[in-house]
Amino acid sequence: MDGHELTVNLVKMHTTELGMQRIQRNMDLGDIDLVAWCKHKVSKTDNVVRRGKNWYVYADDCIITVNASGFTIITVHKNK
């Protein structure tokens, strides 16, 4: 799997306050642990692609963008 490096480093995944705001705005998930939600999505998919400095995780109905060097969740968008 292309995203093996990302999945073995799930514990390092985190986001910033602005990242949380972007994810909440884009996905309207309510009051949940957004980082845990993203980690769960990443752990359940095999569709992970690295392009340049970011990982793109295609899971269910969303695309999660994660910085490859720091494992920072940048944003999540609905997959249209």
PDB file of N, CA and C in Angstrom:
ATOM      1  N   MET A   1       0.854  -1.191   0.000  1.00  0.00           N
ATOM      2  CA  MET A   1       0.000   0.000   0.000  1.00  0.00           C
ATOM      3  C   MET A   1       0.889   1.239   0.000  1.00  0.00           C
ATOM      4  N   ASP A   2       0.564   2.210  -0.804  1.00  0.00           N
ATOM      5  CA  ASP A   2       1.338   3.439  -0.931  1.00  0.00           C
ATOM      6  C   ASP A   2       1.364   4.225   0.379  1.00  0.00           C
ATOM      7  N   GLY A   3       0.339   4.169   1.161  1.00  0.00           N
ATOM      8  CA  GLY A   3       0.231   4.973   2.365  1.00  0.00           C
ATOM      9  C   GLY A   3       0.735   4.293   3.627  1.00  0.00           C
ATOM     10  N   HIS A   4       1.556   3.244   3.484  1.00  0.00           N
ATOM     11  CA  HIS A   4       2.040   2.515   4.652  1.00  0.00           C
ATOM     12  C   HIS A   4       2.729   3.443   5.651  1.00  0.00           C
ATOM     13  N   GLU A   5       3.548   4.365   5.177  1.00  0.00           N
ATOM     14  CA  GLU A   5       4.237   5.298   6.070  1.00  0.00           C
ATOM     15  C   GLU A   5       3.241   6.108   6.897  1.00  0.00           C
ATOM     16  N   LEU A   6       2.150   6.501   6.286  1.00  0.00           N
ATOM     17  CA  LEU A   6       1.132   7.276   7.005  1.00  0.00           C
ATOM     18  C   LEU A   6       0.425   6.410   8.043  1.00  0.00           C
ATOM     19  N   THR A   7       0.041   5.204   7.660  1.00  0.00           N
ATOM     20  CA  THR A   7      -0.720   4.358   8.589  1.00  0.00           C
ATOM     21  C   THR A   7       0.113   3.904   9.778  1.00  0.00           C
ATOM     22  N   VAL A   8       1.419   3.700   9.596  1.00  0.00           N
ATOM     23  CA  VAL A   8       2.237   3.289  10.744  1.00  0.00           C
ATOM     24  C   VAL A   8       2.542   4.465  11.665  1.00  0.00           C
ATOM     25  N   ASN A   9       2.271   5.676  11.210  1.00  0.00           N
ATOM     26  CA  ASN A   9       2.506   6.867  12.022  1.00  0.00           C
ATOM     27  C   ASN A   9       1.207   7.545  12.450  1.00  0.00           C
ATOM     28  N   LEU A  10       0.131   6.795  12.552  1.00  0.00           N
ATOM     29  CA  LEU A  10      -1.167   7.360  12.948  1.00  0.00           C
ATOM     30  C   LEU A  10      -1.078   8.101  14.276  1.00  0.00           C
ATOM     31  N   VAL A  11      -0.283   7.593  15.196  1.00  0.00           N
ATOM     32  CA  VAL A  11      -0.174   8.214  16.518  1.00  0.00           C
ATOM     33  C   VAL A  11       0.376   9.635  16.421  1.00  0.00           C
ATOM     34  N   LYS A  12       1.111   9.936  15.355  1.00  0.00           N
ATOM     35  CA  LYS A  12       1.696  11.269  15.175  1.00  0.00           C
ATOM     36  C   LYS A  12       0.734  12.262  14.530  1.00  0.00           C
ATOM     37  N   MET A  13      -0.372  11.768  13.990  1.00  0.00           N
ATOM     38  CA  MET A  13      -1.308  12.666  13.310  1.00  0.00           C
ATOM     39  C   MET A  13      -1.927  13.646  14.296  1.00  0.00           C
ATOM     40  N   HIS A  14      -1.989  14.894  13.883  1.00  0.00           N
ATOM     41  CA  HIS A  14      -2.566  15.961  14.703  1.00  0.00           C
ATOM     42  C   HIS A  14      -3.038  17.065  13.751  1.00  0.00           C
ATOM     43  N   THR A  15      -3.638  18.078  14.313  1.00  0.00           N
ATOM     44  CA  THR A  15      -4.021  19.234  13.515  1.00  0.00           C
ATOM     45  C   THR A  15      -3.888  20.494  14.360  1.00  0.00           C
ATOM     46  N   THR A  16      -4.030  21.606  13.705  1.00  0.00           N
ATOM     47  CA  THR A  16      -3.967  22.904  14.388  1.00  0.00           C
ATOM     48  C   THR A  16      -5.388  23.372  14.698  1.00  0.00           C
ATOM     49  N   GLU A  17      -5.493  24.452  15.429  1.00  0.00           N
ATOM     50  CA  GLU A  17      -6.814  25.028  15.707  1.00  0.00           C
ATOM     51  C   GLU A  17      -7.500  25.448  14.410  1.00  0.00           C
ATOM     52  N   LEU A  18      -6.739  26.065  13.498  1.00  0.00           N
ATOM     53  CA  LEU A  18      -7.324  26.447  12.205  1.00  0.00           C
ATOM     54  C   LEU A  18      -7.715  25.220  11.397  1.00  0.00           C
ATOM     55  N   GLY A  19      -6.919  24.163  11.487  1.00  0.00           N
ATOM     56  CA  GLY A  19      -7.260  22.916  10.804  1.00  0.00           C
ATOM     57  C   GLY A  19      -8.569  22.351  11.323  1.00  0.00           C
ATOM     58  N   MET A  20      -8.754  22.381  12.641  1.00  0.00           N
ATOM     59  CA  MET A  20     -10.007  21.895  13.226  1.00  0.00           C
ATOM     60  C   MET A  20     -11.191  22.709  12.726  1.00  0.00           C
ATOM     61  N   GLN A  21     -11.000  24.016  12.649  1.00  0.00           N
ATOM     62  CA  GLN A  21     -12.081  24.872  12.154  1.00  0.00           C
ATOM     63  C   GLN A  21     -12.416  24.541  10.697  1.00  0.00           C
ATOM     64  N   ARG A  22     -11.397  24.322   9.864  1.00  0.00           N
ATOM     65  CA  ARG A  22     -11.628  23.977   8.453  1.00  0.00           C
ATOM     66  C   ARG A  22     -12.370  22.654   8.324  1.00  0.00           C
ATOM     67  N   ILE A  23     -11.907  21.653   9.089  1.00  0.00           N
ATOM     68  CA  ILE A  23     -12.556  20.334   9.025  1.00  0.00           C
ATOM     69  C   ILE A  23     -14.008  20.443   9.465  1.00  0.00           C
ATOM     70  N   GLN A  24     -14.247  21.137  10.571  1.00  0.00           N
ATOM     71  CA  GLN A  24     -15.606  21.295  11.081  1.00  0.00           C
ATOM     72  C   GLN A  24     -16.495  21.998  10.061  1.00  0.00           C
ATOM     73  N   ARG A  25     -15.975  23.057   9.451  1.00  0.00           N
ATOM     74  CA  ARG A  25     -16.748  23.813   8.463  1.00  0.00           C
ATOM     75  C   ARG A  25     -17.038  22.966   7.220  1.00  0.00           C
ATOM     76  N   ASN A  26     -16.042  22.226   6.761  1.00  0.00           N
ATOM     77  CA  ASN A  26     -16.199  21.444   5.526  1.00  0.00           C
ATOM     78  C   ASN A  26     -17.058  20.198   5.700  1.00  0.00           C
ATOM     79  N   MET A  27     -16.995  19.579   6.883  1.00  0.00           N
ATOM     80  CA  MET A  27     -17.667  18.292   7.071  1.00  0.00           C
ATOM     81  C   MET A  27     -18.888  18.352   7.981  1.00  0.00           C
ATOM     82  N   ASP A  28     -19.040  19.410   8.772  1.00  0.00           N
ATOM     83  CA  ASP A  28     -20.181  19.567   9.674  1.00  0.00           C
ATOM     84  C   ASP A  28     -20.414  18.297  10.505  1.00  0.00           C
ATOM     85  N   LEU A  29     -19.406  17.940  11.291  1.00  0.00           N
ATOM     86  CA  LEU A  29     -19.437  16.685  12.042  1.00  0.00           C
ATOM     87  C   LEU A  29     -19.985  16.807  13.452  1.00  0.00           C
ATOM     88  N   GLY A  30     -20.269  17.997  13.889  1.00  0.00           N
ATOM     89  CA  GLY A  30     -20.758  18.160  15.257  1.00  0.00           C
ATOM     90  C   GLY A  30     -19.601  18.195  16.236  1.00  0.00           C
ATOM     91  N   ASP A  31     -19.908  17.993  17.498  1.00  0.00           N
ATOM     92  CA  ASP A  31     -18.920  18.099  18.565  1.00  0.00           C
ATOM     93  C   ASP A  31     -18.264  16.743  18.816  1.00  0.00           C
ATOM     94  N   ILE A  32     -17.266  16.398  17.972  1.00  0.00           N
ATOM     95  CA  ILE A  32     -16.549  15.134  18.118  1.00  0.00           C
ATOM     96  C   ILE A  32     -15.049  15.422  18.108  1.00  0.00           C
ATOM     97  N   ASP A  33     -14.265  14.403  18.431  1.00  0.00           N
ATOM     98  CA  ASP A  33     -12.811  14.493  18.351  1.00  0.00           C
ATOM     99  C   ASP A  33     -12.428  14.326  16.876  1.00  0.00           C
ATOM    100  N   LEU A  34     -12.130  15.434  16.227  1.00  0.00           N
ATOM    101  CA  LEU A  34     -11.880  15.417  14.783  1.00  0.00           C
ATOM    102  C   LEU A  34     -10.611  14.662  14.415  1.00  0.00           C
ATOM    103  N   VAL A  35      -9.592  14.745  15.245  1.00  0.00           N
ATOM    104  CA  VAL A  35      -8.356  14.013  14.969  1.00  0.00           C
ATOM    105  C   VAL A  35      -8.608  12.506  15.055  1.00  0.00           C
ATOM    106  N   ALA A  36      -9.320  12.071  16.071  1.00  0.00           N
ATOM    107  CA  ALA A  36      -9.650  10.646  16.200  1.00  0.00           C
ATOM    108  C   ALA A  36     -10.497  10.184  15.015  1.00  0.00           C
ATOM    109  N   TRP A  37     -11.426  11.010  14.581  1.00  0.00           N
ATOM    110  CA  TRP A  37     -12.266  10.682  13.424  1.00  0.00           C
ATOM    111  C   TRP A  37     -11.399  10.494  12.173  1.00  0.00           C
ATOM    112  N   CYS A  38     -10.451  11.407  11.967  1.00  0.00           N
ATOM    113  CA  CYS A  38      -9.558  11.310  10.805  1.00  0.00           C
ATOM    114  C   CYS A  38      -8.677  10.070  10.893  1.00  0.00           C
ATOM    115  N   LYS A  39      -8.127   9.793  12.072  1.00  0.00           N
ATOM    116  CA  LYS A  39      -7.281   8.614  12.255  1.00  0.00           C
ATOM    117  C   LYS A  39      -8.059   7.340  11.936  1.00  0.00           C
ATOM    118  N   HIS A  40      -9.303   7.297  12.375  1.00  0.00           N
ATOM    119  CA  HIS A  40     -10.148   6.131  12.093  1.00  0.00           C
ATOM    120  C   HIS A  40     -10.352   5.956  10.593  1.00  0.00           C
ATOM    121  N   LYS A  41     -10.634   7.048   9.899  1.00  0.00           N
ATOM    122  CA  LYS A  41     -10.830   6.986   8.440  1.00  0.00           C
ATOM    123  C   LYS A  41      -9.564   6.493   7.746  1.00  0.00           C
ATOM    124  N   VAL A  42      -8.405   7.014   8.172  1.00  0.00           N
ATOM    125  CA  VAL A  42      -7.128   6.617   7.563  1.00  0.00           C
ATOM    126  C   VAL A  42      -6.868   5.128   7.805  1.00  0.00           C
ATOM    127  N   SER A  43      -7.172   4.655   8.999  1.00  0.00           N
ATOM    128  CA  SER A  43      -6.895   3.255   9.335  1.00  0.00           C
ATOM    129  C   SER A  43      -7.797   2.277   8.586  1.00  0.00           C
ATOM    130  N   LYS A  44      -8.917   2.749   8.078  1.00  0.00           N
ATOM    131  CA  LYS A  44      -9.894   1.872   7.429  1.00  0.00           C
ATOM    132  C   LYS A  44      -9.862   1.906   5.903  1.00  0.00           C
ATOM    133  N   THR A  45      -8.897   2.606   5.304  1.00  0.00           N
ATOM    134  CA  THR A  45      -8.860   2.675   3.846  1.00  0.00           C
ATOM    135  C   THR A  45      -7.509   2.227   3.312  1.00  0.00           C
ATOM    136  N   ASP A  46      -7.509   1.745   2.095  1.00  0.00           N
ATOM    137  CA  ASP A  46      -6.276   1.395   1.386  1.00  0.00           C
ATOM    138  C   ASP A  46      -5.981   2.405   0.295  1.00  0.00           C
ATOM    139  N   ASN A  47      -6.834   3.403   0.170  1.00  0.00           N
ATOM    140  CA  ASN A  47      -6.699   4.373  -0.914  1.00  0.00           C
ATOM    141  C   ASN A  47      -5.980   5.622  -0.402  1.00  0.00           C
ATOM    142  N   VAL A  48      -4.653   5.517  -0.293  1.00  0.00           N
ATOM    143  CA  VAL A  48      -3.810   6.604   0.204  1.00  0.00           C
ATOM    144  C   VAL A  48      -2.743   6.882  -0.848  1.00  0.00           C
ATOM    145  N   VAL A  49      -2.621   8.153  -1.228  1.00  0.00           N
ATOM    146  CA  VAL A  49      -1.679   8.535  -2.284  1.00  0.00           C
ATOM    147  C   VAL A  49      -0.832   9.694  -1.779  1.00  0.00           C
ATOM    148  N   ARG A  50       0.470   9.605  -2.042  1.00  0.00           N
ATOM    149  CA  ARG A  50       1.330  10.744  -1.721  1.00  0.00           C
ATOM    150  C   ARG A  50       1.622  11.509  -3.000  1.00  0.00           C
ATOM    151  N   ARG A  51       1.340  12.812  -2.953  1.00  0.00           N
ATOM    152  CA  ARG A  51       1.660  13.716  -4.068  1.00  0.00           C
ATOM    153  C   ARG A  51       2.420  14.888  -3.473  1.00  0.00           C
ATOM    154  N   GLY A  52       3.700  14.974  -3.810  1.00  0.00           N
ATOM    155  CA  GLY A  52       4.518  16.059  -3.289  1.00  0.00           C
ATOM    156  C   GLY A  52       4.657  15.967  -1.788  1.00  0.00           C
ATOM    157  N   LYS A  53       4.325  17.051  -1.123  1.00  0.00           N
ATOM    158  CA  LYS A  53       4.515  17.119   0.328  1.00  0.00           C
ATOM    159  C   LYS A  53       3.314  16.640   1.133  1.00  0.00           C
ATOM    160  N   ASN A  54       2.267  16.156   0.471  1.00  0.00           N
ATOM    161  CA  ASN A  54       1.042  15.764   1.180  1.00  0.00           C
ATOM    162  C   ASN A  54       0.610  14.339   0.869  1.00  0.00           C
ATOM    163  N   TRP A  55      -0.057  13.746   1.845  1.00  0.00           N
ATOM    164  CA  TRP A  55      -0.793  12.500   1.659  1.00  0.00           C
ATOM    165  C   TRP A  55      -2.248  12.868   1.386  1.00  0.00           C
ATOM    166  N   TYR A  56      -2.888  12.135   0.483  1.00  0.00           N
ATOM    167  CA  TYR A  56      -4.311  12.300   0.213  1.00  0.00           C
ATOM    168  C   TYR A  56      -4.983  10.964   0.505  1.00  0.00           C
ATOM    169  N   VAL A  57      -5.877  10.975   1.468  1.00  0.00           N
ATOM    170  CA  VAL A  57      -6.559   9.773   1.915  1.00  0.00           C
ATOM    171  C   VAL A  57      -7.989   9.826   1.406  1.00  0.00           C
ATOM    172  N   TYR A  58      -8.353   8.851   0.572  1.00  0.00           N
ATOM    173  CA  TYR A  58      -9.700   8.765   0.022  1.00  0.00           C
ATOM    174  C   TYR A  58     -10.456   7.720   0.835  1.00  0.00           C
ATOM    175  N   ALA A  59     -11.340   8.194   1.706  1.00  0.00           N
ATOM    176  CA  ALA A  59     -12.052   7.306   2.619  1.00  0.00           C
ATOM    177  C   ALA A  59     -13.534   7.642   2.609  1.00  0.00           C
ATOM    178  N   ASP A  60     -14.348   6.634   2.353  1.00  0.00           N
ATOM    179  CA  ASP A  60     -15.797   6.806   2.317  1.00  0.00           C
ATOM    180  C   ASP A  60     -16.169   7.993   1.424  1.00  0.00           C
ATOM    181  N   ASP A  61     -16.723   9.027   2.017  1.00  0.00           N
ATOM    182  CA  ASP A  61     -17.213  10.158   1.235  1.00  0.00           C
ATOM    183  C   ASP A  61     -16.328  11.394   1.385  1.00  0.00           C
ATOM    184  N   CYS A  62     -15.050  11.205   1.774  1.00  0.00           N
ATOM    185  CA  CYS A  62     -14.211  12.374   2.009  1.00  0.00           C
ATOM    186  C   CYS A  62     -12.773  12.163   1.538  1.00  0.00           C
ATOM    187  N   ILE A  63     -12.067  13.273   1.421  1.00  0.00           N
ATOM    188  CA  ILE A  63     -10.645  13.277   1.119  1.00  0.00           C
ATOM    189  C   ILE A  63      -9.945  14.015   2.247  1.00  0.00           C
ATOM    190  N   ILE A  64      -9.014  13.327   2.912  1.00  0.00           N
ATOM    191  CA  ILE A  64      -8.265  13.902   4.024  1.00  0.00           C
ATOM    192  C   ILE A  64      -6.881  14.256   3.504  1.00  0.00           C
ATOM    193  N   THR A  65      -6.451  15.496   3.709  1.00  0.00           N
ATOM    194  CA  THR A  65      -5.127  15.950   3.288  1.00  0.00           C
ATOM    195  C   THR A  65      -4.237  16.057   4.517  1.00  0.00           C
ATOM    196  N   VAL A  66      -3.095  15.345   4.469  1.00  0.00           N
ATOM    197  CA  VAL A  66      -2.173  15.297   5.603  1.00  0.00           C
ATOM    198  C   VAL A  66      -0.775  15.662   5.113  1.00  0.00           C
ATOM    199  N   ASN A  67      -0.110  16.566   5.825  1.00  0.00           N
ATOM    200  CA  ASN A  67       1.259  16.916   5.492  1.00  0.00           C
ATOM    201  C   ASN A  67       2.152  15.704   5.741  1.00  0.00           C
ATOM    202  N   ALA A  68       3.004  15.365   4.764  1.00  0.00           N
ATOM    203  CA  ALA A  68       3.794  14.141   4.831  1.00  0.00           C
ATOM    204  C   ALA A  68       4.950  14.214   5.819  1.00  0.00           C
ATOM    205  N   SER A  69       5.494  15.382   6.058  1.00  0.00           N
ATOM    206  CA  SER A  69       6.655  15.449   6.942  1.00  0.00           C
ATOM    207  C   SER A  69       6.274  15.566   8.411  1.00  0.00           C
ATOM    208  N   GLY A  70       5.207  16.283   8.718  1.00  0.00           N
ATOM    209  CA  GLY A  70       4.823  16.489  10.112  1.00  0.00           C
ATOM    210  C   GLY A  70       3.579  15.760  10.545  1.00  0.00           C
ATOM    211  N   PHE A  71       2.920  15.064   9.606  1.00  0.00           N
ATOM    212  CA  PHE A  71       1.677  14.331   9.868  1.00  0.00           C
ATOM    213  C   PHE A  71       0.575  15.241  10.410  1.00  0.00           C
ATOM    214  N   THR A  72       0.563  16.496   9.940  1.00  0.00           N
ATOM    215  CA  THR A  72      -0.467  17.454  10.320  1.00  0.00           C
ATOM    216  C   THR A  72      -1.645  17.322   9.371  1.00  0.00           C
ATOM    217  N   ILE A  73      -2.837  17.137   9.914  1.00  0.00           N
ATOM    218  CA  ILE A  73      -4.052  17.084   9.101  1.00  0.00           C
ATOM    219  C   ILE A  73      -4.333  18.518   8.659  1.00  0.00           C
ATOM    220  N   ILE A  74      -4.296  18.743   7.361  1.00  0.00           N
ATOM    221  CA  ILE A  74      -4.480  20.092   6.829  1.00  0.00           C
ATOM    222  C   ILE A  74      -5.955  20.411   6.667  1.00  0.00           C
ATOM    223  N   THR A  75      -6.671  19.494   6.019  1.00  0.00           N
ATOM    224  CA  THR A  75      -8.099  19.712   5.803  1.00  0.00           C
ATOM    225  C   THR A  75      -8.774  18.409   5.413  1.00  0.00           C
ATOM    226  N   VAL A  76     -10.087  18.418   5.419  1.00  0.00           N
ATOM    227  CA  VAL A  76     -10.916  17.319   4.944  1.00  0.00           C
ATOM    228  C   VAL A  76     -12.003  17.917   4.087  1.00  0.00           C
ATOM    229  N   HIS A  77     -12.220  17.330   2.917  1.00  0.00           N
ATOM    230  CA  HIS A  77     -13.275  17.782   2.011  1.00  0.00           C
ATOM    231  C   HIS A  77     -14.176  16.620   1.675  1.00  0.00           C
ATOM    232  N   LYS A  78     -15.423  16.936   1.391  1.00  0.00           N
ATOM    233  CA  LYS A  78     -16.329  15.916   0.887  1.00  0.00           C
ATOM    234  C   LYS A  78     -15.895  15.538  -0.516  1.00  0.00           C
ATOM    235  N   ASN A  79     -15.903  14.260  -0.806  1.00  0.00           N
ATOM    236  CA  ASN A  79     -15.546  13.750  -2.120  1.00  0.00           C
ATOM    237  C   ASN A  79     -16.776  13.796  -3.014  1.00  0.00           C
ATOM    238  N   LYS A  80     -16.722  14.667  -4.006  1.00  0.00           N
ATOM    239  CA  LYS A  80     -17.910  14.886  -4.850  1.00  0.00           C
ATOM    240  C   LYS A  80     -17.882  14.027  -6.079  1.00  0.00           C
TER     241      LYS A  80
END
